[in-house]
């Protein structure tokens, strides 16, 4: 069954490639897809913003830590 399907698909593919109207339509479709991909790619590009690296002091600035029961500071 697989080989019959494969042979049928190959025969239909060869018939389609022998048809100049099909080949022209396929080329138009290919160029339309390429232009769509290029326009989408350009539209999706955004400028890259450099992120400022935060220090640990800035990261934990808003944090509240528990009280030190010993009273000894490090």
PDB file of N, CA and C in Angstrom:
ATOM      1  N   UNK A   1       0.825  -1.195   0.000  1.00  0.00           N
ATOM      2  CA  UNK A   1       0.000   0.000   0.000  1.00  0.00           C
ATOM      3  C   UNK A   1       0.873   1.265   0.000  1.00  0.00           C
ATOM      4  N   UNK A   2       1.916   1.253   0.822  1.00  0.00           N
ATOM      5  CA  UNK A   2       2.793   2.429   0.886  1.00  0.00           C
ATOM      6  C   UNK A   2       3.431   2.708  -0.465  1.00  0.00           C
ATOM      7  N   UNK A   3       3.914   1.645  -1.121  1.00  0.00           N
ATOM      8  CA  UNK A   3       4.619   1.838  -2.388  1.00  0.00           C
ATOM      9  C   UNK A   3       3.667   2.320  -3.482  1.00  0.00           C
ATOM     10  N   UNK A   4       2.421   1.842  -3.456  1.00  0.00           N
ATOM     11  CA  UNK A   4       1.453   2.309  -4.446  1.00  0.00           C
ATOM     12  C   UNK A   4       1.171   3.800  -4.264  1.00  0.00           C
ATOM     13  N   UNK A   5       1.037   4.210  -3.003  1.00  0.00           N
ATOM     14  CA  UNK A   5       0.794   5.626  -2.714  1.00  0.00           C
ATOM     15  C   UNK A   5       1.989   6.465  -3.132  1.00  0.00           C
ATOM     16  N   UNK A   6       3.170   5.986  -2.839  1.00  0.00           N
ATOM     17  CA  UNK A   6       4.381   6.712  -3.204  1.00  0.00           C
ATOM     18  C   UNK A   6       4.505   6.844  -4.723  1.00  0.00           C
ATOM     19  N   UNK A   7       4.221   5.774  -5.441  1.00  0.00           N
ATOM     20  CA  UNK A   7       4.278   5.826  -6.901  1.00  0.00           C
ATOM     21  C   UNK A   7       3.235   6.788  -7.463  1.00  0.00           C
ATOM     22  N   UNK A   8       2.034   6.775  -6.884  1.00  0.00           N
ATOM     23  CA  UNK A   8       0.963   7.679  -7.338  1.00  0.00           C
ATOM     24  C   UNK A   8       1.347   9.135  -7.090  1.00  0.00           C
ATOM     25  N   UNK A   9       1.901   9.421  -5.921  1.00  0.00           N
ATOM     26  CA  UNK A   9       2.312  10.788  -5.589  1.00  0.00           C
ATOM     27  C   UNK A   9       3.425  11.247  -6.519  1.00  0.00           C
ATOM     28  N   UNK A  10       4.382  10.386  -6.775  1.00  0.00           N
ATOM     29  CA  UNK A  10       5.480  10.748  -7.676  1.00  0.00           C
ATOM     30  C   UNK A  10       4.985  10.993  -9.091  1.00  0.00           C
ATOM     31  N   UNK A  11       4.040  10.159  -9.567  1.00  0.00           N
ATOM     32  CA  UNK A  11       3.491  10.351 -10.904  1.00  0.00           C
ATOM     33  C   UNK A  11       2.742  11.692 -10.989  1.00  0.00           C
ATOM     34  N   UNK A  12       1.939  11.998  -9.963  1.00  0.00           N
ATOM     35  CA  UNK A  12       1.207  13.276  -9.952  1.00  0.00           C
ATOM     36  C   UNK A  12       2.158  14.465  -9.852  1.00  0.00           C
ATOM     37  N   UNK A  13       3.233  14.313  -9.091  1.00  0.00           N
ATOM     38  CA  UNK A  13       4.227  15.382  -8.969  1.00  0.00           C
ATOM     39  C   UNK A  13       4.900  15.651 -10.309  1.00  0.00           C
ATOM     40  N   UNK A  14       5.234  14.581 -11.018  1.00  0.00           N
ATOM     41  CA  UNK A  14       5.868  14.738 -12.326  1.00  0.00           C
ATOM     42  C   UNK A  14       4.917  15.387 -13.332  1.00  0.00           C
ATOM     43  N   UNK A  15       3.643  15.018 -13.260  1.00  0.00           N
ATOM     44  CA  UNK A  15       2.652  15.639 -14.149  1.00  0.00           C
ATOM     45  C   UNK A  15       2.522  17.129 -13.844  1.00  0.00           C
ATOM     46  N   UNK A  16       2.512  17.458 -12.576  1.00  0.00           N
ATOM     47  CA  UNK A  16       2.379  18.863 -12.191  1.00  0.00           C
ATOM     48  C   UNK A  16       3.594  19.667 -12.648  1.00  0.00           C
ATOM     49  N   UNK A  17       4.787  19.097 -12.485  1.00  0.00           N
ATOM     50  CA  UNK A  17       5.997  19.814 -12.892  1.00  0.00           C
ATOM     51  C   UNK A  17       6.104  19.937 -14.411  1.00  0.00           C
ATOM     52  N   UNK A  18       5.414  19.094 -15.136  1.00  0.00           N
ATOM     53  CA  UNK A  18       5.415  19.190 -16.597  1.00  0.00           C
ATOM     54  C   UNK A  18       4.431  20.259 -17.085  1.00  0.00           C
ATOM     55  N   UNK A  19       3.558  20.712 -16.212  1.00  0.00           N
ATOM     56  CA  UNK A  19       2.555  21.713 -16.559  1.00  0.00           C
ATOM     57  C   UNK A  19       3.140  23.112 -16.325  1.00  0.00           C
ATOM     58  N   UNK A  20       3.353  23.909 -17.392  1.00  0.00           N
ATOM     59  CA  UNK A  20       3.964  25.238 -17.233  1.00  0.00           C
ATOM     60  C   UNK A  20       3.103  26.187 -16.389  1.00  0.00           C
ATOM     61  N   UNK A  21       1.804  26.034 -16.455  1.00  0.00           N
ATOM     62  CA  UNK A  21       0.916  26.898 -15.657  1.00  0.00           C
ATOM     63  C   UNK A  21       1.131  26.640 -14.165  1.00  0.00           C
ATOM     64  N   UNK A  22       1.273  25.372 -13.801  1.00  0.00           N
ATOM     65  CA  UNK A  22       1.526  25.015 -12.403  1.00  0.00           C
ATOM     66  C   UNK A  22       2.876  25.564 -11.943  1.00  0.00           C
ATOM     67  N   UNK A  23       3.887  25.441 -12.783  1.00  0.00           N
ATOM     68  CA  UNK A  23       5.240  25.905 -12.428  1.00  0.00           C
ATOM     69  C   UNK A  23       5.235  27.422 -12.230  1.00  0.00           C
ATOM     70  N   UNK A  24       4.554  28.148 -13.118  1.00  0.00           N
ATOM     71  CA  UNK A  24       4.469  29.613 -12.977  1.00  0.00           C
ATOM     72  C   UNK A  24       3.747  29.995 -11.695  1.00  0.00           C
ATOM     73  N   UNK A  25       2.657  29.286 -11.405  1.00  0.00           N
ATOM     74  CA  UNK A  25       1.901  29.562 -10.181  1.00  0.00           C
ATOM     75  C   UNK A  25       2.753  29.282  -8.947  1.00  0.00           C
ATOM     76  N   UNK A  26       3.522  28.211  -8.981  1.00  0.00           N
ATOM     77  CA  UNK A  26       4.384  27.874  -7.844  1.00  0.00           C
ATOM     78  C   UNK A  26       5.459  28.930  -7.634  1.00  0.00           C
ATOM     79  N   UNK A  27       6.016  29.454  -8.728  1.00  0.00           N
ATOM     80  CA  UNK A  27       7.038  30.501  -8.611  1.00  0.00           C
ATOM     81  C   UNK A  27       6.445  31.786  -8.043  1.00  0.00           C
ATOM     82  N   UNK A  28       5.244  32.141  -8.468  1.00  0.00           N
ATOM     83  CA  UNK A  28       4.578  33.326  -7.921  1.00  0.00           C
ATOM     84  C   UNK A  28       4.309  33.143  -6.432  1.00  0.00           C
ATOM     85  N   UNK A  29       3.862  31.954  -6.073  1.00  0.00           N
ATOM     86  CA  UNK A  29       3.585  31.662  -4.666  1.00  0.00           C
ATOM     87  C   UNK A  29       4.866  31.755  -3.834  1.00  0.00           C
ATOM     88  N   UNK A  30       5.963  31.232  -4.360  1.00  0.00           N
ATOM     89  CA  UNK A  30       7.250  31.290  -3.661  1.00  0.00           C
ATOM     90  C   UNK A  30       7.695  32.730  -3.436  1.00  0.00           C
ATOM     91  N   UNK A  31       7.574  33.559  -4.464  1.00  0.00           N
ATOM     92  CA  UNK A  31       7.992  34.961  -4.309  1.00  0.00           C
ATOM     93  C   UNK A  31       7.085  35.700  -3.334  1.00  0.00           C
ATOM     94  N   UNK A  32       5.787  35.383  -3.343  1.00  0.00           N
ATOM     95  CA  UNK A  32       4.872  36.014  -2.385  1.00  0.00           C
ATOM     96  C   UNK A  32       5.237  35.622  -0.955  1.00  0.00           C
ATOM     97  N   UNK A  33       5.560  34.357  -0.741  1.00  0.00           N
ATOM     98  CA  UNK A  33       5.955  33.917   0.596  1.00  0.00           C
ATOM     99  C   UNK A  33       7.251  34.581   1.043  1.00  0.00           C
ATOM    100  N   UNK A  34       8.210  34.702   0.135  1.00  0.00           N
ATOM    101  CA  UNK A  34       9.484  35.344   0.488  1.00  0.00           C
ATOM    102  C   UNK A  34       9.276  36.802   0.878  1.00  0.00           C
ATOM    103  N   UNK A  35       8.450  37.525   0.117  1.00  0.00           N
ATOM    104  CA  UNK A  35       8.231  38.939   0.440  1.00  0.00           C
ATOM    105  C   UNK A  35       7.481  39.083   1.758  1.00  0.00           C
ATOM    106  N   UNK A  36       6.559  38.159   2.033  1.00  0.00           N
ATOM    107  CA  UNK A  36       5.826  38.214   3.299  1.00  0.00           C
ATOM    108  C   UNK A  36       6.754  37.949   4.478  1.00  0.00           C
ATOM    109  N   UNK A  37       7.641  36.986   4.323  1.00  0.00           N
ATOM    110  CA  UNK A  37       8.584  36.671   5.390  1.00  0.00           C
ATOM    111  C   UNK A  37       9.524  37.848   5.629  1.00  0.00           C
ATOM    112  N   UNK A  38      10.004  38.465   4.556  1.00  0.00           N
ATOM    113  CA  UNK A  38      10.907  39.606   4.708  1.00  0.00           C
ATOM    114  C   UNK A  38      10.216  40.779   5.378  1.00  0.00           C
ATOM    115  N   UNK A  39       8.980  41.069   5.003  1.00  0.00           N
ATOM    116  CA  UNK A  39       8.276  42.207   5.615  1.00  0.00           C
ATOM    117  C   UNK A  39       7.969  41.927   7.078  1.00  0.00           C
ATOM    118  N   UNK A  40       7.645  40.676   7.405  1.00  0.00           N
ATOM    119  CA  UNK A  40       7.389  40.314   8.797  1.00  0.00           C
ATOM    120  C   UNK A  40       8.673  40.391   9.604  1.00  0.00           C
ATOM    121  N   UNK A  41       9.769  39.947   9.024  1.00  0.00           N
ATOM    122  CA  UNK A  41      11.046  39.965   9.722  1.00  0.00           C
ATOM    123  C   UNK A  41      11.474  41.401  10.032  1.00  0.00           C
ATOM    124  N   UNK A  42      11.285  42.301   9.103  1.00  0.00           N
ATOM    125  CA  UNK A  42      11.652  43.698   9.311  1.00  0.00           C
ATOM    126  C   UNK A  42      10.756  44.324  10.383  1.00  0.00           C
ATOM    127  N   UNK A  43       9.467  43.999  10.368  1.00  0.00           N
ATOM    128  CA  UNK A  43       8.536  44.578  11.329  1.00  0.00           C
ATOM    129  C   UNK A  43       8.807  44.079  12.743  1.00  0.00           C
ATOM    130  N   UNK A  44       9.330  42.876  12.893  1.00  0.00           N
ATOM    131  CA  UNK A  44       9.563  42.317  14.215  1.00  0.00           C
ATOM    132  C   UNK A  44      10.861  42.778  14.855  1.00  0.00           C
ATOM    133  N   UNK A  45      11.753  43.355  14.066  1.00  0.00           N
ATOM    134  CA  UNK A  45      13.009  43.822  14.638  1.00  0.00           C
ATOM    135  C   UNK A  45      12.759  45.030  15.521  1.00  0.00           C
ATOM    136  N   UNK A  46      13.235  44.958  16.732  1.00  0.00           N
ATOM    137  CA  UNK A  46      13.119  46.076  17.671  1.00  0.00           C
ATOM    138  C   UNK A  46      14.520  46.436  18.140  1.00  0.00           C
ATOM    139  N   UNK A  47      14.733  47.686  18.444  1.00  0.00           N
ATOM    140  CA  UNK A  47      16.054  48.048  18.949  1.00  0.00           C
ATOM    141  C   UNK A  47      16.313  47.371  20.298  1.00  0.00           C
ATOM    142  N   UNK A  48      17.518  46.940  20.466  1.00  0.00           N
ATOM    143  CA  UNK A  48      17.893  46.259  21.699  1.00  0.00           C
ATOM    144  C   UNK A  48      18.298  47.310  22.727  1.00  0.00           C
ATOM    145  N   UNK A  49      17.639  47.264  23.857  1.00  0.00           N
ATOM    146  CA  UNK A  49      17.965  48.194  24.937  1.00  0.00           C
ATOM    147  C   UNK A  49      18.943  47.508  25.875  1.00  0.00           C
ATOM    148  N   UNK A  50      19.991  48.222  26.209  1.00  0.00           N
ATOM    149  CA  UNK A  50      20.948  47.638  27.135  1.00  0.00           C
ATOM    150  C   UNK A  50      20.384  47.752  28.548  1.00  0.00           C
ATOM    151  N   UNK A  51      20.462  46.653  29.263  1.00  0.00           N
ATOM    152  CA  UNK A  51      19.953  46.635  30.631  1.00  0.00           C
ATOM    153  C   UNK A  51      21.061  47.024  31.589  1.00  0.00           C
ATOM    154  N   UNK A  52      20.693  47.832  32.559  1.00  0.00           N
ATOM    155  CA  UNK A  52      21.643  48.224  33.584  1.00  0.00           C
ATOM    156  C   UNK A  52      21.748  47.077  34.586  1.00  0.00           C
ATOM    157  N   UNK A  53      22.946  46.654  34.866  1.00  0.00           N
ATOM    158  CA  UNK A  53      23.151  45.581  35.827  1.00  0.00           C
ATOM    159  C   UNK A  53      22.972  46.155  37.224  1.00  0.00           C
ATOM    160  N   UNK A  54      22.053  45.538  37.980  1.00  0.00           N
ATOM    161  CA  UNK A  54      21.786  46.020  39.336  1.00  0.00           C
ATOM    162  C   UNK A  54      22.777  45.402  40.315  1.00  0.00           C
ATOM    163  N   UNK A  55      23.149  46.188  41.281  1.00  0.00           N
ATOM    164  CA  UNK A  55      23.999  45.683  42.352  1.00  0.00           C
ATOM    165  C   UNK A  55      23.118  44.939  43.350  1.00  0.00           C
ATOM    166  N   UNK A  56      23.720  44.133  44.195  1.00  0.00           N
ATOM    167  CA  UNK A  56      22.937  43.424  45.214  1.00  0.00           C
ATOM    168  C   UNK A  56      22.240  44.397  46.154  1.00  0.00           C
ATOM    169  N   UNK A  57      22.879  45.505  46.428  1.00  0.00           N
ATOM    170  CA  UNK A  57      22.267  46.500  47.294  1.00  0.00           C
ATOM    171  C   UNK A  57      20.972  47.041  46.670  1.00  0.00           C
ATOM    172  N   UNK A  58      20.982  47.229  45.348  1.00  0.00           N
ATOM    173  CA  UNK A  58      19.780  47.707  44.661  1.00  0.00           C
ATOM    174  C   UNK A  58      18.699  46.628  44.624  1.00  0.00           C
ATOM    175  N   UNK A  59      19.107  45.392  44.462  1.00  0.00           N
ATOM    176  CA  UNK A  59      18.139  44.296  44.406  1.00  0.00           C
ATOM    177  C   UNK A  59      17.417  44.152  45.740  1.00  0.00           C
ATOM    178  N   UNK A  60      18.154  44.199  46.839  1.00  0.00           N
ATOM    179  CA  UNK A  60      17.564  43.979  48.156  1.00  0.00           C
ATOM    180  C   UNK A  60      17.203  45.272  48.877  1.00  0.00           C
ATOM    181  N   UNK A  61      17.155  46.375  48.166  1.00  0.00           N
ATOM    182  CA  UNK A  61      16.872  47.679  48.762  1.00  0.00           C
ATOM    183  C   UNK A  61      15.502  47.710  49.439  1.00  0.00           C
ATOM    184  N   UNK A  62      14.502  47.110  48.835  1.00  0.00           N
ATOM    185  CA  UNK A  62      13.136  47.145  49.361  1.00  0.00           C
ATOM    186  C   UNK A  62      12.856  46.029  50.373  1.00  0.00           C
ATOM    187  N   UNK A  63      13.806  45.140  50.577  1.00  0.00           N
ATOM    188  CA  UNK A  63      13.568  43.976  51.434  1.00  0.00           C
ATOM    189  C   UNK A  63      13.667  44.331  52.902  1.00  0.00           C
ATOM    190  N   UNK A  64      12.841  43.663  53.679  1.00  0.00           N
ATOM    191  CA  UNK A  64      12.879  43.803  55.129  1.00  0.00           C
ATOM    192  C   UNK A  64      13.364  42.479  55.703  1.00  0.00           C
ATOM    193  N   UNK A  65      14.455  42.511  56.419  1.00  0.00           N
ATOM    194  CA  UNK A  65      14.984  41.303  57.023  1.00  0.00           C
ATOM    195  C   UNK A  65      14.613  41.291  58.492  1.00  0.00           C
ATOM    196  N   UNK A  66      14.609  40.100  59.063  1.00  0.00           N
ATOM    197  CA  UNK A  66      14.272  39.961  60.480  1.00  0.00           C
ATOM    198  C   UNK A  66      15.278  40.666  61.374  1.00  0.00           C
ATOM    199  N   UNK A  67      14.919  40.824  62.617  1.00  0.00           N
ATOM    200  CA  UNK A  67      15.817  41.497  63.566  1.00  0.00           C
ATOM    201  C   UNK A  67      16.969  40.569  63.935  1.00  0.00           C
ATOM    202  N   UNK A  68      18.072  41.172  64.322  1.00  0.00           N
ATOM    203  CA  UNK A  68      19.262  40.434  64.722  1.00  0.00           C
ATOM    204  C   UNK A  68      19.185  40.228  66.246  1.00  0.00           C
ATOM    205  N   UNK A  69      18.913  39.022  66.721  1.00  0.00           N
ATOM    206  CA  UNK A  69      18.742  38.813  68.169  1.00  0.00           C
ATOM    207  C   UNK A  69      20.030  39.009  68.963  1.00  0.00           C
ATOM    208  N   UNK A  70      21.194  38.824  68.315  1.00  0.00           N
ATOM    209  CA  UNK A  70      22.458  38.970  69.043  1.00  0.00           C
ATOM    210  C   UNK A  70      22.907  40.409  69.101  1.00  0.00           C
ATOM    211  N   UNK A  71      22.455  41.223  68.153  1.00  0.00           N
ATOM    212  CA  UNK A  71      22.851  42.607  68.123  1.00  0.00           C
ATOM    213  C   UNK A  71      24.225  42.816  67.507  1.00  0.00           C
ATOM    214  N   UNK A  72      24.897  41.767  67.070  1.00  0.00           N
ATOM    215  CA  UNK A  72      26.230  41.858  66.488  1.00  0.00           C
ATOM    216  C   UNK A  72      26.106  42.097  64.992  1.00  0.00           C
ATOM    217  N   UNK A  73      26.791  43.100  64.474  1.00  0.00           N
ATOM    218  CA  UNK A  73      26.788  43.375  63.053  1.00  0.00           C
ATOM    219  C   UNK A  73      28.007  42.767  62.389  1.00  0.00           C
ATOM    220  N   UNK A  74      27.877  42.358  61.184  1.00  0.00           N
ATOM    221  CA  UNK A  74      28.985  41.782  60.446  1.00  0.00           C
ATOM    222  C   UNK A  74      29.727  42.823  59.687  1.00  0.00           C
TER     223      UNK A  74
END
